[in-house]
Amino acid sequence: MTNEYKNDAKIFKALCDEKRLQILKLLKNGEKCACILIEEMNMGQSALSYHMKILCESNIVKARQDGKWTHYSINAEGSKYALKRLMEITDSKKGNSSCCK
């Protein structure tokens, strides 16, 4: 498996969970402290850390440390890359057409 597909798997793993999609919706309006996300999502710190690790590994979300708290925001470049990859993977015009004989 090429690195390109390994990165794609990280992107789509990040997007295939309801909680992570809710987190992305919260981050859509700007940077949020982990403490706010914990409260808004009504989840424990360890559960949030698990989801944020996956979102950050996908490069769709970026983290910024400020003292003991981490602040999260949408990574515009990572988000654009995720959309680009989805379009490349699903664009039937770019694929080879083959016929069965």
Protein backbone atom coordinates (compact mmCIF):
# COMPACT_ATOMS: atom_id res chain seq x y z
CA MET A 1 0.00 0.00 0.00
CA THR A 2 1.47 3.35 -0.98
CA ASN A 3 1.81 6.25 1.43
CA GLU A 4 -0.88 8.08 -0.52
CA TYR A 5 -3.43 5.41 0.36
CA LYS A 6 -2.21 5.23 3.95
CA ASN A 7 -2.88 8.97 4.24
CA ASP A 8 -6.27 8.52 2.56
CA ALA A 9 -7.17 5.85 5.12
CA LYS A 10 -6.34 8.28 7.95
CA ILE A 11 -8.54 10.95 6.37
CA PHE A 12 -11.53 8.68 5.89
CA LYS A 13 -11.10 7.07 9.31
CA ALA A 14 -11.36 10.55 10.80
CA LEU A 15 -14.60 11.19 8.92
CA CYS A 16 -16.33 7.87 9.61
CA ASP A 17 -17.33 8.51 13.22
CA GLU A 18 -20.36 10.52 14.39
CA LYS A 19 -18.52 12.02 17.37
CA ARG A 20 -15.67 13.23 15.19
CA LEU A 21 -18.11 14.76 12.73
CA GLN A 22 -19.77 16.60 15.64
CA ILE A 23 -16.35 17.84 16.75
CA LEU A 24 -15.65 19.14 13.24
CA LYS A 25 -18.95 20.99 13.27
CA LEU A 26 -17.97 22.65 16.57
CA LEU A 27 -14.57 23.61 15.18
CA LYS A 28 -16.10 25.05 12.01
CA ASN A 29 -16.74 28.32 13.85
CA GLY A 30 -13.15 28.67 15.03
CA GLU A 31 -10.59 27.39 17.48
CA LYS A 32 -11.85 25.65 20.62
CA CYS A 33 -10.08 24.68 23.81
CA ALA A 34 -10.24 21.01 24.77
CA CYS A 35 -12.10 22.05 27.92
CA ILE A 36 -14.89 23.53 25.79
CA LEU A 37 -15.04 20.46 23.56
CA ILE A 38 -15.25 18.18 26.61
CA GLU A 39 -18.21 20.19 27.87
CA GLU A 40 -19.95 20.58 24.50
CA MET A 41 -19.52 16.92 23.60
CA ASN A 42 -20.38 15.69 27.10
CA MET A 43 -17.45 13.27 27.10
CA GLY A 44 -14.45 12.58 29.24
CA GLN A 45 -10.97 13.89 28.57
CA SER A 46 -9.61 10.49 27.52
CA ALA A 47 -12.42 9.97 25.00
CA LEU A 48 -11.86 13.44 23.54
CA SER A 49 -8.10 12.80 23.35
CA TYR A 50 -8.74 9.60 21.41
CA HIS A 51 -10.94 11.39 18.84
CA MET A 52 -8.62 14.40 18.57
CA LYS A 53 -5.61 12.15 17.96
CA ILE A 54 -7.38 10.62 14.95
CA LEU A 55 -8.52 14.01 13.65
CA CYS A 56 -5.02 15.48 14.01
CA GLU A 57 -3.39 12.45 12.35
CA SER A 58 -5.68 12.99 9.38
CA ASN A 59 -4.35 16.57 9.15
CA ILE A 60 -7.92 17.91 9.01
CA VAL A 61 -7.50 19.35 12.52
CA LYS A 62 -4.47 21.05 14.02
CA ALA A 63 -3.58 21.42 17.69
CA ARG A 64 -1.96 24.27 19.58
CA GLN A 65 -0.70 23.88 23.14
CA ASP A 66 -1.38 26.75 25.57
CA GLY A 67 -0.25 25.89 29.09
CA LYS A 68 -2.00 22.75 30.22
CA TRP A 69 -4.75 23.03 27.61
CA THR A 70 -4.73 22.15 23.94
CA HIS A 71 -6.65 24.28 21.47
CA TYR A 72 -7.95 22.72 18.27
CA SER A 73 -8.96 24.20 14.94
CA ILE A 74 -9.72 23.13 11.40
CA ASN A 75 -6.61 22.90 9.27
CA ALA A 76 -7.71 24.56 6.01
CA GLU A 77 -4.91 22.96 3.99
CA GLY A 78 -5.68 19.50 5.36
CA SER A 79 -9.37 19.95 4.71
CA LYS A 80 -8.74 21.02 1.11
CA TYR A 81 -6.41 18.05 0.62
CA ALA A 82 -9.07 15.64 1.97
CA LEU A 83 -11.64 17.04 -0.47
CA LYS A 84 -9.14 16.85 -3.33
CA ARG A 85 -8.36 13.21 -2.58
CA LEU A 86 -12.03 12.27 -2.40
CA MET A 87 -12.59 13.89 -5.79
CA GLU A 88 -9.56 12.14 -7.30
CA ILE A 89 -10.60 8.75 -5.95
CA THR A 90 -14.22 9.02 -7.08
CA ASP A 91 -13.83 10.91 -10.37
CA SER A 92 -14.91 8.37 -12.97
CA LYS A 93 -13.56 10.51 -15.83
CA LYS A 94 -9.99 9.94 -14.66
CA GLY A 95 -10.31 6.16 -14.36
CA ASN A 96 -9.57 3.70 -17.09
CA SER A 97 -12.62 2.27 -18.73
CA SER A 98 -12.37 -1.40 -19.32
CA CYS A 99 -14.67 -3.77 -21.06
CA CYS A 100 -15.34 -7.33 -20.22
CA LYS A 101 -15.17 -9.64 -23.19
